Amino acid sequence: MWDRLTHDWSGRNCKGLARLARAALDGKDWLHDRVGDLVSYLLEVLSTPRVVRVFGREIAKRIPLPWDQQLVAVSRGMQIAGIAVCMLNGRDLAKCECFVDVVINEGKERVRQLMDWAAKDWRNLEQLVPAM
């Protein structure tokens, strides 16, 4: 897969990967908002005071959902892969959609953290390949 990804890479592929990763991250936030709305509605049906509904909604929005970590890990992995392939192909990072998306939405410091994490995690990938 890595060979295919690196050889067929273009700006269009990077843009698609960046959009997919962002949609997954935004979708996670959207789901949390809907859980908060549901809790608020249920509290309204129970005739609770407005302050309790608002408080309940905000707490419910922040409760981790079972798939949160996996979704974020997959999304960040897509972004990191896009940045890495752009770098390997000598693309200007200012034109790398994955890089630009992370910088705009997360900040430069987050890009550095993600790349540090990727370097530490990917360094031992050869250990996962069975010996032939």
N, C-alpha and C. Protein backbone atom coordinates (compact mmCIF):
# COMPACT_ATOMS: atom_id res chain seq x y z
N MET A 1 0.82 -1.19 0.00
CA MET A 1 0.00 0.00 0.00
C MET A 1 0.87 1.25 0.00
N TRP A 2 1.94 1.22 0.80
CA TRP A 2 2.82 2.39 0.88
C TRP A 2 3.43 2.70 -0.48
N ASP A 3 3.87 1.66 -1.21
CA ASP A 3 4.44 1.87 -2.55
C ASP A 3 3.41 2.53 -3.47
N ARG A 4 2.22 2.03 -3.43
CA ARG A 4 1.16 2.59 -4.29
C ARG A 4 0.87 4.04 -3.92
N LEU A 5 0.82 4.29 -2.61
CA LEU A 5 0.54 5.65 -2.14
C LEU A 5 1.63 6.62 -2.56
N THR A 6 2.88 6.22 -2.44
CA THR A 6 3.98 7.15 -2.73
C THR A 6 4.20 7.35 -4.23
N HIS A 7 3.93 6.33 -5.05
CA HIS A 7 4.17 6.47 -6.48
C HIS A 7 3.05 7.20 -7.22
N ASP A 8 1.84 7.07 -6.75
CA ASP A 8 0.69 7.70 -7.42
C ASP A 8 0.27 9.00 -6.75
N TRP A 9 1.14 9.61 -5.99
CA TRP A 9 0.77 10.77 -5.18
C TRP A 9 0.69 12.03 -6.02
N SER A 10 -0.34 12.81 -5.76
CA SER A 10 -0.47 14.11 -6.43
C SER A 10 -1.15 15.06 -5.47
N GLY A 11 -1.23 16.31 -5.84
CA GLY A 11 -1.92 17.29 -5.01
C GLY A 11 -3.38 16.94 -4.82
N ARG A 12 -3.99 16.33 -5.84
CA ARG A 12 -5.39 15.94 -5.75
C ARG A 12 -5.58 14.84 -4.69
N ASN A 13 -4.63 13.88 -4.65
CA ASN A 13 -4.71 12.82 -3.64
C ASN A 13 -4.56 13.39 -2.24
N CYS A 14 -3.64 14.33 -2.09
CA CYS A 14 -3.42 14.94 -0.78
C CYS A 14 -4.66 15.69 -0.33
N LYS A 15 -5.27 16.42 -1.25
CA LYS A 15 -6.47 17.17 -0.92
C LYS A 15 -7.59 16.23 -0.48
N GLY A 16 -7.76 15.12 -1.19
CA GLY A 16 -8.79 14.15 -0.82
C GLY A 16 -8.53 13.53 0.54
N LEU A 17 -7.28 13.19 0.82
CA LEU A 17 -6.91 12.62 2.11
C LEU A 17 -7.14 13.63 3.23
N ALA A 18 -6.76 14.88 2.99
CA ALA A 18 -6.96 15.93 3.99
C ALA A 18 -8.44 16.14 4.28
N ARG A 19 -9.26 16.14 3.24
CA ARG A 19 -10.70 16.33 3.42
C ARG A 19 -11.33 15.17 4.18
N LEU A 20 -10.90 13.95 3.86
CA LEU A 20 -11.42 12.78 4.55
C LEU A 20 -11.07 12.80 6.03
N ALA A 21 -9.83 13.13 6.34
CA ALA A 21 -9.39 13.20 7.74
C ALA A 21 -10.16 14.30 8.48
N ARG A 22 -10.33 15.46 7.86
CA ARG A 22 -11.04 16.57 8.51
C ARG A 22 -12.51 16.22 8.71
N ALA A 23 -13.12 15.56 7.72
CA ALA A 23 -14.53 15.17 7.84
C ALA A 23 -14.72 14.21 9.00
N ALA A 24 -13.78 13.29 9.18
CA ALA A 24 -13.88 12.35 10.30
C ALA A 24 -13.76 13.08 11.63
N LEU A 25 -12.83 14.01 11.72
CA LEU A 25 -12.66 14.77 12.97
C LEU A 25 -13.87 15.67 13.24
N ASP A 26 -14.39 16.31 12.20
CA ASP A 26 -15.58 17.15 12.36
C ASP A 26 -16.80 16.30 12.68
N GLY A 27 -16.87 15.11 12.10
CA GLY A 27 -17.98 14.20 12.37
C GLY A 27 -18.02 13.77 13.82
N LYS A 28 -16.86 13.58 14.40
CA LYS A 28 -16.77 13.24 15.82
C LYS A 28 -17.37 14.36 16.67
N ASP A 29 -17.01 15.59 16.35
CA ASP A 29 -17.55 16.74 17.08
C ASP A 29 -19.06 16.85 16.88
N TRP A 30 -19.54 16.60 15.67
CA TRP A 30 -20.97 16.66 15.37
C TRP A 30 -21.73 15.62 16.20
N LEU A 31 -21.19 14.41 16.29
CA LEU A 31 -21.85 13.36 17.09
C LEU A 31 -21.92 13.75 18.56
N HIS A 32 -20.86 14.34 19.07
CA HIS A 32 -20.86 14.78 20.47
C HIS A 32 -21.92 15.86 20.69
N ASP A 33 -22.06 16.76 19.74
CA ASP A 33 -23.09 17.79 19.84
C ASP A 33 -24.49 17.18 19.86
N ARG A 34 -24.72 16.15 19.04
CA ARG A 34 -26.04 15.50 18.99
C ARG A 34 -26.34 14.76 20.29
N VAL A 35 -25.34 14.15 20.90
CA VAL A 35 -25.54 13.49 22.20
C VAL A 35 -25.93 14.54 23.23
N GLY A 36 -25.26 15.68 23.20
CA GLY A 36 -25.61 16.78 24.11
C GLY A 36 -27.03 17.27 23.88
N ASP A 37 -27.42 17.40 22.60
CA ASP A 37 -28.80 17.82 22.28
C ASP A 37 -29.82 16.82 22.81
N LEU A 38 -29.53 15.54 22.67
CA LEU A 38 -30.44 14.50 23.15
C LEU A 38 -30.61 14.57 24.66
N VAL A 39 -29.52 14.74 25.38
CA VAL A 39 -29.60 14.85 26.84
C VAL A 39 -30.39 16.09 27.23
N SER A 40 -30.15 17.20 26.55
CA SER A 40 -30.89 18.42 26.83
C SER A 40 -32.39 18.22 26.60
N TYR A 41 -32.73 17.57 25.51
CA TYR A 41 -34.14 17.30 25.19
C TYR A 41 -34.77 16.42 26.28
N LEU A 42 -34.08 15.37 26.67
CA LEU A 42 -34.62 14.48 27.71
C LEU A 42 -34.81 15.22 29.03
N LEU A 43 -33.88 16.08 29.37
CA LEU A 43 -34.01 16.88 30.59
C LEU A 43 -35.17 17.86 30.48
N GLU A 44 -35.41 18.38 29.28
CA GLU A 44 -36.55 19.29 29.07
C GLU A 44 -37.87 18.53 29.25
N VAL A 45 -37.93 17.31 28.70
CA VAL A 45 -39.13 16.48 28.86
C VAL A 45 -39.39 16.21 30.34
N LEU A 46 -38.34 16.10 31.12
CA LEU A 46 -38.48 15.87 32.56
C LEU A 46 -38.72 17.16 33.34
N SER A 47 -38.90 18.26 32.62
CA SER A 47 -39.21 19.58 33.21
C SER A 47 -38.14 20.06 34.17
N THR A 48 -36.89 19.85 33.82
CA THR A 48 -35.81 20.36 34.67
C THR A 48 -35.56 21.83 34.35
N PRO A 49 -35.01 22.57 35.29
CA PRO A 49 -34.70 23.98 35.04
C PRO A 49 -33.69 24.15 33.89
N ARG A 50 -33.77 25.28 33.24
CA ARG A 50 -32.91 25.55 32.08
C ARG A 50 -31.44 25.40 32.41
N VAL A 51 -31.00 25.87 33.55
CA VAL A 51 -29.58 25.80 33.91
C VAL A 51 -29.14 24.33 34.02
N VAL A 52 -30.01 23.46 34.49
CA VAL A 52 -29.69 22.04 34.58
C VAL A 52 -29.59 21.43 33.18
N ARG A 53 -30.48 21.84 32.28
CA ARG A 53 -30.44 21.34 30.89
C ARG A 53 -29.15 21.76 30.20
N VAL A 54 -28.77 23.03 30.37
CA VAL A 54 -27.55 23.53 29.74
C VAL A 54 -26.33 22.80 30.30
N PHE A 55 -26.32 22.65 31.62
CA PHE A 55 -25.20 21.95 32.27
C PHE A 55 -25.14 20.49 31.81
N GLY A 56 -26.28 19.83 31.79
CA GLY A 56 -26.35 18.43 31.34
C GLY A 56 -25.90 18.26 29.91
N ARG A 57 -26.31 19.20 29.06
CA ARG A 57 -25.91 19.15 27.65
C ARG A 57 -24.40 19.27 27.51
N GLU A 58 -23.80 20.22 28.22
CA GLU A 58 -22.35 20.43 28.12
C GLU A 58 -21.57 19.24 28.66
N ILE A 59 -22.03 18.64 29.73
CA ILE A 59 -21.35 17.44 30.25
C ILE A 59 -21.48 16.29 29.26
N ALA A 60 -22.68 16.08 28.74
CA ALA A 60 -22.91 14.97 27.81
C ALA A 60 -22.06 15.13 26.54
N LYS A 61 -21.85 16.35 26.07
CA LYS A 61 -21.03 16.59 24.89
C LYS A 61 -19.58 16.17 25.11
N ARG A 62 -19.15 16.22 26.35
CA ARG A 62 -17.74 15.96 26.66
C ARG A 62 -17.43 14.53 27.08
N ILE A 63 -18.46 13.72 27.23
CA ILE A 63 -18.24 12.32 27.60
C ILE A 63 -17.66 11.58 26.39
N PRO A 64 -16.54 10.91 26.58
CA PRO A 64 -15.94 10.18 25.44
C PRO A 64 -16.88 9.08 24.93
N LEU A 65 -16.99 8.99 23.63
CA LEU A 65 -17.76 7.93 23.01
C LEU A 65 -16.81 6.77 22.70
N PRO A 66 -17.34 5.55 22.60
CA PRO A 66 -16.47 4.38 22.46
C PRO A 66 -15.50 4.43 21.27
N TRP A 67 -15.87 5.08 20.21
CA TRP A 67 -15.04 5.08 18.99
C TRP A 67 -14.18 6.33 18.85
N ASP A 68 -14.20 7.24 19.81
CA ASP A 68 -13.46 8.50 19.69
C ASP A 68 -11.97 8.30 19.43
N GLN A 69 -11.32 7.50 20.26
CA GLN A 69 -9.87 7.33 20.13
C GLN A 69 -9.49 6.72 18.79
N GLN A 70 -10.25 5.73 18.36
CA GLN A 70 -9.93 5.09 17.08
C GLN A 70 -10.11 6.06 15.92
N LEU A 71 -11.18 6.84 15.97
CA LEU A 71 -11.46 7.79 14.90
C LEU A 71 -10.37 8.86 14.81
N VAL A 72 -9.96 9.37 15.95
CA VAL A 72 -8.90 10.38 15.96
C VAL A 72 -7.59 9.77 15.48
N ALA A 73 -7.28 8.55 15.94
CA ALA A 73 -6.03 7.90 15.53
C ALA A 73 -5.99 7.69 14.01
N VAL A 74 -7.10 7.23 13.44
CA VAL A 74 -7.15 7.02 11.99
C VAL A 74 -7.03 8.35 11.25
N SER A 75 -7.73 9.37 11.72
CA SER A 75 -7.67 10.68 11.07
C SER A 75 -6.27 11.28 11.13
N ARG A 76 -5.64 11.20 12.30
CA ARG A 76 -4.28 11.73 12.44
C ARG A 76 -3.30 10.92 11.59
N GLY A 77 -3.52 9.62 11.53
CA GLY A 77 -2.67 8.79 10.69
C GLY A 77 -2.76 9.18 9.23
N MET A 78 -3.97 9.49 8.77
CA MET A 78 -4.14 9.93 7.38
C MET A 78 -3.41 11.24 7.15
N GLN A 79 -3.54 12.17 8.10
CA GLN A 79 -2.86 13.46 7.95
C GLN A 79 -1.35 13.29 7.93
N ILE A 80 -0.84 12.47 8.84
CA ILE A 80 0.60 12.24 8.92
C ILE A 80 1.11 11.57 7.64
N ALA A 81 0.36 10.58 7.14
CA ALA A 81 0.76 9.91 5.91
C ALA A 81 0.80 10.91 4.75
N GLY A 82 -0.20 11.77 4.66
CA GLY A 82 -0.22 12.78 3.61
C GLY A 82 0.97 13.72 3.68
N ILE A 83 1.28 14.17 4.89
CA ILE A 83 2.43 15.07 5.07
C ILE A 83 3.72 14.35 4.71
N ALA A 84 3.86 13.12 5.17
CA ALA A 84 5.08 12.35 4.90
C ALA A 84 5.27 12.13 3.41
N VAL A 85 4.21 11.76 2.70
CA VAL A 85 4.33 11.51 1.27
C VAL A 85 4.64 12.80 0.52
N CYS A 86 4.01 13.89 0.92
CA CYS A 86 4.33 15.18 0.29
C CYS A 86 5.82 15.50 0.48
N MET A 87 6.32 15.29 1.69
CA MET A 87 7.73 15.57 1.97
C MET A 87 8.63 14.65 1.14
N LEU A 88 8.29 13.36 1.07
CA LEU A 88 9.09 12.42 0.29
C LEU A 88 9.13 12.77 -1.18
N ASN A 89 8.06 13.34 -1.67
CA ASN A 89 7.98 13.73 -3.08
C ASN A 89 8.52 15.14 -3.32
N GLY A 90 9.06 15.77 -2.29
CA GLY A 90 9.66 17.09 -2.44
C GLY A 90 8.65 18.21 -2.63
N ARG A 91 7.41 17.97 -2.24
CA ARG A 91 6.38 19.01 -2.38
C ARG A 91 6.56 20.10 -1.33
N ASP A 92 6.32 21.30 -1.71
CA ASP A 92 6.33 22.43 -0.79
C ASP A 92 5.22 22.21 0.24
N LEU A 93 5.56 22.20 1.52
CA LEU A 93 4.55 21.93 2.55
C LEU A 93 3.44 22.98 2.57
N ALA A 94 3.71 24.16 2.08
CA ALA A 94 2.66 25.18 2.00
C ALA A 94 1.57 24.78 1.01
N LYS A 95 1.89 23.82 0.12
CA LYS A 95 0.91 23.32 -0.85
C LYS A 95 0.39 21.94 -0.48
N CYS A 96 0.87 21.38 0.61
CA CYS A 96 0.42 20.07 1.09
C CYS A 96 -0.88 20.27 1.87
N GLU A 97 -1.98 19.79 1.32
CA GLU A 97 -3.30 20.01 1.94
C GLU A 97 -3.38 19.42 3.34
N CYS A 98 -2.76 18.27 3.56
CA CYS A 98 -2.79 17.67 4.90
C CYS A 98 -2.08 18.56 5.91
N PHE A 99 -0.91 19.06 5.52
CA PHE A 99 -0.14 19.95 6.38
C PHE A 99 -0.92 21.24 6.66
N VAL A 100 -1.45 21.83 5.61
CA VAL A 100 -2.19 23.09 5.73
C VAL A 100 -3.40 22.91 6.64
N ASP A 101 -4.12 21.80 6.48
CA ASP A 101 -5.30 21.55 7.32
C ASP A 101 -4.93 21.45 8.79
N VAL A 102 -3.86 20.72 9.10
CA VAL A 102 -3.45 20.59 10.50
C VAL A 102 -3.03 21.95 11.05
N VAL A 103 -2.25 22.71 10.29
CA VAL A 103 -1.79 24.02 10.77
C VAL A 103 -2.97 24.96 11.01
N ILE A 104 -3.91 25.00 10.07
CA ILE A 104 -5.05 25.90 10.21
C ILE A 104 -5.94 25.51 11.39
N ASN A 105 -6.20 24.22 11.54
CA ASN A 105 -7.14 23.78 12.57
C ASN A 105 -6.51 23.46 13.92
N GLU A 106 -5.22 23.16 13.92
CA GLU A 106 -4.58 22.73 15.16
C GLU A 106 -3.43 23.63 15.60
N GLY A 107 -2.79 24.27 14.66
CA GLY A 107 -1.64 25.13 14.97
C GLY A 107 -0.32 24.44 14.67
N LYS A 108 0.71 25.25 14.53
CA LYS A 108 2.03 24.74 14.17
C LYS A 108 2.58 23.78 15.22
N GLU A 109 2.35 24.08 16.47
CA GLU A 109 2.87 23.22 17.55
C GLU A 109 2.29 21.81 17.45
N ARG A 110 1.02 21.72 17.08
CA ARG A 110 0.38 20.41 16.93
C ARG A 110 1.00 19.62 15.78
N VAL A 111 1.39 20.29 14.71
CA VAL A 111 2.06 19.61 13.60
C VAL A 111 3.35 18.99 14.09
N ARG A 112 4.12 19.76 14.85
CA ARG A 112 5.38 19.24 15.38
C ARG A 112 5.14 18.03 16.27
N GLN A 113 4.12 18.11 17.14
CA GLN A 113 3.80 16.98 18.02
C GLN A 113 3.41 15.74 17.22
N LEU A 114 2.58 15.93 16.19
CA LEU A 114 2.15 14.80 15.37
C LEU A 114 3.33 14.16 14.65
N MET A 115 4.21 14.97 14.11
CA MET A 115 5.35 14.42 13.38
C MET A 115 6.33 13.74 14.33
N ASP A 116 6.51 14.29 15.53
CA ASP A 116 7.36 13.63 16.53
C ASP A 116 6.77 12.27 16.90
N TRP A 117 5.46 12.25 17.11
CA TRP A 117 4.78 11.00 17.44
C TRP A 117 4.95 9.99 16.31
N ALA A 118 4.77 10.44 15.09
CA ALA A 118 4.89 9.54 13.94
C ALA A 118 6.31 8.98 13.84
N ALA A 119 7.30 9.83 14.06
CA ALA A 119 8.69 9.38 13.97
C ALA A 119 8.98 8.32 15.02
N LYS A 120 8.48 8.51 16.22
CA LYS A 120 8.71 7.53 17.29
C LYS A 120 7.96 6.24 17.02
N ASP A 121 6.74 6.36 16.56
CA ASP A 121 5.89 5.18 16.35
C ASP A 121 6.31 4.41 15.11
N TRP A 122 6.64 5.10 14.03
CA TRP A 122 6.95 4.45 12.76
C TRP A 122 8.38 3.90 12.74
N ARG A 123 9.20 4.33 13.68
CA ARG A 123 10.59 3.89 13.71
C ARG A 123 10.71 2.37 13.87
N ASN A 124 9.74 1.77 14.55
CA ASN A 124 9.81 0.35 14.83
C ASN A 124 8.88 -0.47 13.94
N LEU A 125 8.43 0.08 12.85
CA LEU A 125 7.52 -0.64 11.97
C LEU A 125 8.14 -1.92 11.42
N GLU A 126 9.46 -1.91 11.20
CA GLU A 126 10.07 -3.11 10.62
C GLU A 126 9.94 -4.31 11.54
N GLN A 127 9.75 -4.09 12.84
CA GLN A 127 9.58 -5.18 13.77
C GLN A 127 8.22 -5.87 13.59
N LEU A 128 7.28 -5.19 12.97
CA LEU A 128 5.96 -5.77 12.76
C LEU A 128 5.90 -6.68 11.53
N VAL A 129 6.92 -6.60 10.67
CA VAL A 129 6.94 -7.42 9.47
C VAL A 129 7.54 -8.78 9.82
N PRO A 130 6.80 -9.86 9.53
CA PRO A 130 7.34 -11.18 9.86
C PRO A 130 8.62 -11.49 9.07
N ALA A 131 9.54 -12.20 9.70
CA ALA A 131 10.80 -12.59 9.05
C ALA A 131 10.52 -13.63 7.98
N MET A 132 11.26 -13.53 6.86
CA MET A 132 11.04 -14.49 5.77
C MET A 132 12.14 -15.51 5.72
